[in-house]
C-alpha atoms as a PDB file:
ATOM      1  CA  MET A   1     100.641 127.814 141.685  1.00  0.00           C
ATOM      2  CA  ASN A   2     101.689 130.397 139.101  1.00  0.00           C
ATOM      3  CA  GLU A   3     105.951 130.371 138.812  1.00  0.00           C
ATOM      4  CA  ASN A   4     104.858 134.041 136.952  1.00  0.00           C
ATOM      5  CA  LYS A   5     105.159 137.237 138.919  1.00  0.00           C
ATOM      6  CA  CYS A   6     102.027 139.680 139.186  1.00  0.00           C
ATOM      7  CA  THR A   7     102.356 143.022 138.530  1.00  0.00           C
ATOM      8  CA  PHE A   8      99.472 144.347 139.243  1.00  0.00           C
ATOM      9  CA  ASN A   9      99.434 147.584 140.409  1.00  0.00           C
ATOM     10  CA  GLU A  10      95.844 148.842 141.899  1.00  0.00           C
ATOM     11  CA  LEU A  11      96.471 152.729 141.753  1.00  0.00           C
ATOM     12  CA  GLU A  12      97.431 152.644 138.496  1.00  0.00           C
ATOM     13  CA  PHE A  13      94.967 150.245 137.682  1.00  0.00           C
ATOM     14  CA  PHE A  14      92.497 152.561 139.030  1.00  0.00           C
ATOM     15  CA  ALA A  15      93.914 155.568 137.117  1.00  0.00           C
ATOM     16  CA  HIS A  16      93.535 154.095 133.420  1.00  0.00           C
ATOM     17  CA  ILE A  17      89.697 153.245 134.501  1.00  0.00           C
ATOM     18  CA  LYS A  18      89.338 157.205 135.114  1.00  0.00           C
ATOM     19  CA  LYS A  19      91.217 157.982 132.191  1.00  0.00           C
ATOM     20  CA  ARG A  20      89.581 155.599 129.729  1.00  0.00           C
ATOM     21  CA  PRO A  21      86.420 153.469 131.359  1.00  0.00           C
ATOM     22  CA  GLY A  22      85.013 152.612 128.071  1.00  0.00           C
ATOM     23  CA  MET A  23      87.999 151.008 126.902  1.00  0.00           C
ATOM     24  CA  TYR A  24      87.749 148.689 130.405  1.00  0.00           C
ATOM     25  CA  PHE A  25      83.778 148.056 129.908  1.00  0.00           C
ATOM     26  CA  GLY A  26      82.623 149.410 126.914  1.00  0.00           C
ATOM     27  CA  GLU A  27      81.376 151.681 128.446  1.00  0.00           C
ATOM     28  CA  PRO A  28      81.845 153.632 131.720  1.00  0.00           C
ATOM     29  CA  SER A  29      79.610 151.991 134.685  1.00  0.00           C
ATOM     30  CA  LEU A  30      79.893 151.555 137.881  1.00  0.00           C
ATOM     31  CA  PHE A  31      78.307 148.389 137.657  1.00  0.00           C
ATOM     32  CA  PHE A  32      80.938 146.853 134.614  1.00  0.00           C
ATOM     33  CA  MET A  33      83.447 148.366 136.669  1.00  0.00           C
ATOM     34  CA  ARG A  34      82.086 146.239 140.287  1.00  0.00           C
ATOM     35  CA  ASN A  35      81.658 143.146 137.949  1.00  0.00           C
ATOM     36  CA  TYR A  36      85.222 143.848 136.352  1.00  0.00           C
ATOM     37  CA  ILE A  37      87.065 143.755 140.089  1.00  0.00           C
ATOM     38  CA  LEU A  38      84.595 140.684 141.159  1.00  0.00           C
ATOM     39  CA  GLY A  39      86.463 139.236 138.152  1.00  0.00           C
ATOM     40  CA  MET A  40      90.089 139.530 138.550  1.00  0.00           C
ATOM     41  CA  GLN A  41      89.854 138.854 142.535  1.00  0.00           C
ATOM     42  CA  HIS A  42      88.288 135.900 140.985  1.00  0.00           C
ATOM     43  CA  ALA A  43      91.307 135.225 138.524  1.00  0.00           C
ATOM     44  CA  PHE A  44      93.971 136.179 140.528  1.00  0.00           C
ATOM     45  CA  SER A  45      92.556 133.546 143.543  1.00  0.00           C
ATOM     46  CA  PHE A  46      92.150 131.275 141.083  1.00  0.00           C
ATOM     47  CA  CYS A  47      96.415 131.706 139.792  1.00  0.00           C
ATOM     48  CA  GLY A  48      96.908 131.310 143.593  1.00  0.00           C
ATOM     49  CA  TYR A  49      97.787 134.730 143.951  1.00  0.00           C
ATOM     50  CA  GLN A  50      96.602 137.015 147.215  1.00  0.00           C
ATOM     51  CA  ASP A  51      93.836 139.898 146.632  1.00  0.00           C
ATOM     52  CA  LYS A  52      95.213 142.797 144.604  1.00  0.00           C
ATOM     53  CA  PHE A  53      92.469 145.188 145.955  1.00  0.00           C
ATOM     54  CA  LYS A  54      93.611 146.832 149.006  1.00  0.00           C
ATOM     55  CA  TYR A  55      93.183 150.228 148.831  1.00  0.00           C
ATOM     56  CA  PHE A  56      89.793 148.904 147.668  1.00  0.00           C
ATOM     57  CA  HIS A  57      89.204 147.167 150.279  1.00  0.00           C
ATOM     58  CA  LEU A  58      89.795 149.742 152.664  1.00  0.00           C
ATOM     59  CA  PHE A  59      87.786 152.250 151.129  1.00  0.00           C
ATOM     60  CA  THR A  60      84.731 150.500 151.700  1.00  0.00           C
ATOM     61  CA  GLU A  61      84.943 149.951 155.032  1.00  0.00           C
ATOM     62  CA  TRP A  62      85.831 153.515 154.898  1.00  0.00           C
ATOM     63  CA  TYR A  63      82.926 154.698 152.467  1.00  0.00           C
ATOM     64  CA  GLN A  64      80.539 153.068 154.983  1.00  0.00           C
ATOM     65  CA  GLU A  65      81.783 154.601 157.917  1.00  0.00           C
ATOM     66  CA  ASN A  66      82.577 158.321 156.862  1.00  0.00           C
ATOM     67  CA  VAL A  67      79.979 158.760 153.833  1.00  0.00           C
ATOM     68  CA  ILE A  68      76.857 155.916 154.693  1.00  0.00           C
ATOM     69  CA  ASN A  69      76.772 155.775 158.303  1.00  0.00           C
ATOM     70  CA  ASP A  70      74.640 159.081 159.625  1.00  0.00           C
ATOM     71  CA  GLU A  71      76.028 161.421 163.228  1.00  0.00           C
ATOM     72  CA  ARG A  72      74.724 158.319 165.243  1.00  0.00           C
ATOM     73  CA  GLY A  73      76.923 155.402 163.271  1.00  0.00           C
ATOM     74  CA  TYR A  74      73.344 154.231 161.848  1.00  0.00           C
ATOM     75  CA  GLN A  75      73.644 152.662 157.941  1.00  0.00           C
ATOM     76  CA  ASN A  76      70.221 154.290 156.666  1.00  0.00           C
ATOM     77  CA  GLY A  77      69.413 151.335 155.262  1.00  0.00           C
ATOM     78  CA  TYR A  78      71.744 151.020 152.381  1.00  0.00           C
ATOM     79  CA  ALA A  79      73.926 147.506 152.393  1.00  0.00           C
ATOM     80  CA  ASN A  80      76.810 149.176 151.195  1.00  0.00           C
ATOM     81  CA  TRP A  81      79.259 151.819 149.065  1.00  0.00           C
ATOM     82  CA  TYR A  82      77.679 149.822 145.247  1.00  0.00           C
ATOM     83  CA  THR A  83      74.098 150.072 146.772  1.00  0.00           C
ATOM     84  CA  HIS A  84      74.501 153.671 147.998  1.00  0.00           C
ATOM     85  CA  LEU A  85      76.322 154.666 145.139  1.00  0.00           C
ATOM     86  CA  MET A  86      73.548 153.491 143.372  1.00  0.00           C
ATOM     87  CA  TYR A  87      70.451 155.609 144.905  1.00  0.00           C
ATOM     88  CA  VAL A  88      72.290 158.773 145.488  1.00  0.00           C
ATOM     89  CA  THR A  89      73.137 159.156 141.821  1.00  0.00           C
ATOM     90  CA  ALA A  90      69.213 157.895 140.714  1.00  0.00           C
ATOM     91  CA  CYS A  91      70.868 154.493 139.240  1.00  0.00           C
ATOM     92  CA  HIS A  92      72.354 156.860 136.895  1.00  0.00           C
ATOM     93  CA  ASP A  93      75.332 154.607 136.159  1.00  0.00           C
ATOM     94  CA  LYS A  94      78.135 156.740 134.563  1.00  0.00           C
ATOM     95  CA  GLU A  95      77.270 159.172 137.059  1.00  0.00           C
ATOM     96  CA  ALA A  96      77.970 156.667 139.871  1.00  0.00           C
ATOM     97  CA  LEU A  97      81.437 155.509 138.075  1.00  0.00           C
ATOM     98  CA  GLU A  98      82.191 159.481 138.399  1.00  0.00           C
ATOM     99  CA  ARG A  99      81.049 160.174 142.595  1.00  0.00           C
ATOM    100  CA  PHE A 100      82.588 156.667 143.006  1.00  0.00           C
ATOM    101  CA  LEU A 101      86.150 157.711 141.353  1.00  0.00           C
ATOM    102  CA  ARG A 102      86.061 161.539 143.547  1.00  0.00           C
ATOM    103  CA  GLU A 103      85.035 159.335 146.833  1.00  0.00           C
ATOM    104  CA  PHE A 104      87.977 157.019 145.883  1.00  0.00           C
ATOM    105  CA  GLU A 105      89.969 160.376 145.368  1.00  0.00           C
ATOM    106  CA  ARG A 106      89.071 161.697 148.364  1.00  0.00           C
ATOM    107  CA  TYR A 107      89.810 158.502 150.490  1.00  0.00           C
ATOM    108  CA  LEU A 108      93.070 158.322 149.732  1.00  0.00           C
ATOM    109  CA  GLU A 109      94.065 161.975 149.947  1.00  0.00           C
ATOM    110  CA  GLU A 110      92.550 161.853 153.258  1.00  0.00           C
ATOM    111  CA  VAL A 111      93.597 158.869 154.958  1.00  0.00           C
ATOM    112  CA  HIS A 112      96.814 157.855 152.191  1.00  0.00           C
ATOM    113  CA  ASN A 113      98.090 161.155 151.791  1.00  0.00           C
ATOM    114  CA  ILE A 114      98.051 159.689 148.134  1.00  0.00           C
ATOM    115  CA  SER A 115      96.939 159.952 144.883  1.00  0.00           C
ATOM    116  CA  LEU A 116      95.973 158.449 141.625  1.00  0.00           C
ATOM    117  CA  PRO A 117      99.341 158.165 139.794  1.00  0.00           C
ATOM    118  CA  GLU A 118      99.450 159.991 136.367  1.00  0.00           C
ATOM    119  CA  VAL A 119      99.081 157.538 133.336  1.00  0.00           C
ATOM    120  CA  ASN A 120      98.986 157.292 129.119  1.00  0.00           C
END
């Protein structure tokens, strides 16, 4: 196991993504963000760290229950948060990323009464 401390802060990560998505992905893209997160999760696991995306995982469950599922609890045919966001934005990747960030911030405020920190 790696002896170094992992100082990753999930909320700061998403605040930086919101402020400068192109710096992380080359261009604003929900597809690139999803793959970036999957890569980070793999790297954390490979280095012996626990998954650092607690709020993100809880968000995906919340999004399924509060946005995708209709009033009867049906999924309306969408498999998950990503496919739903791509569908409702007509596969406009930049708009899907912007909508994800709005929904993620809404989730943080409604469920945890917190917001993304200010970053430079």
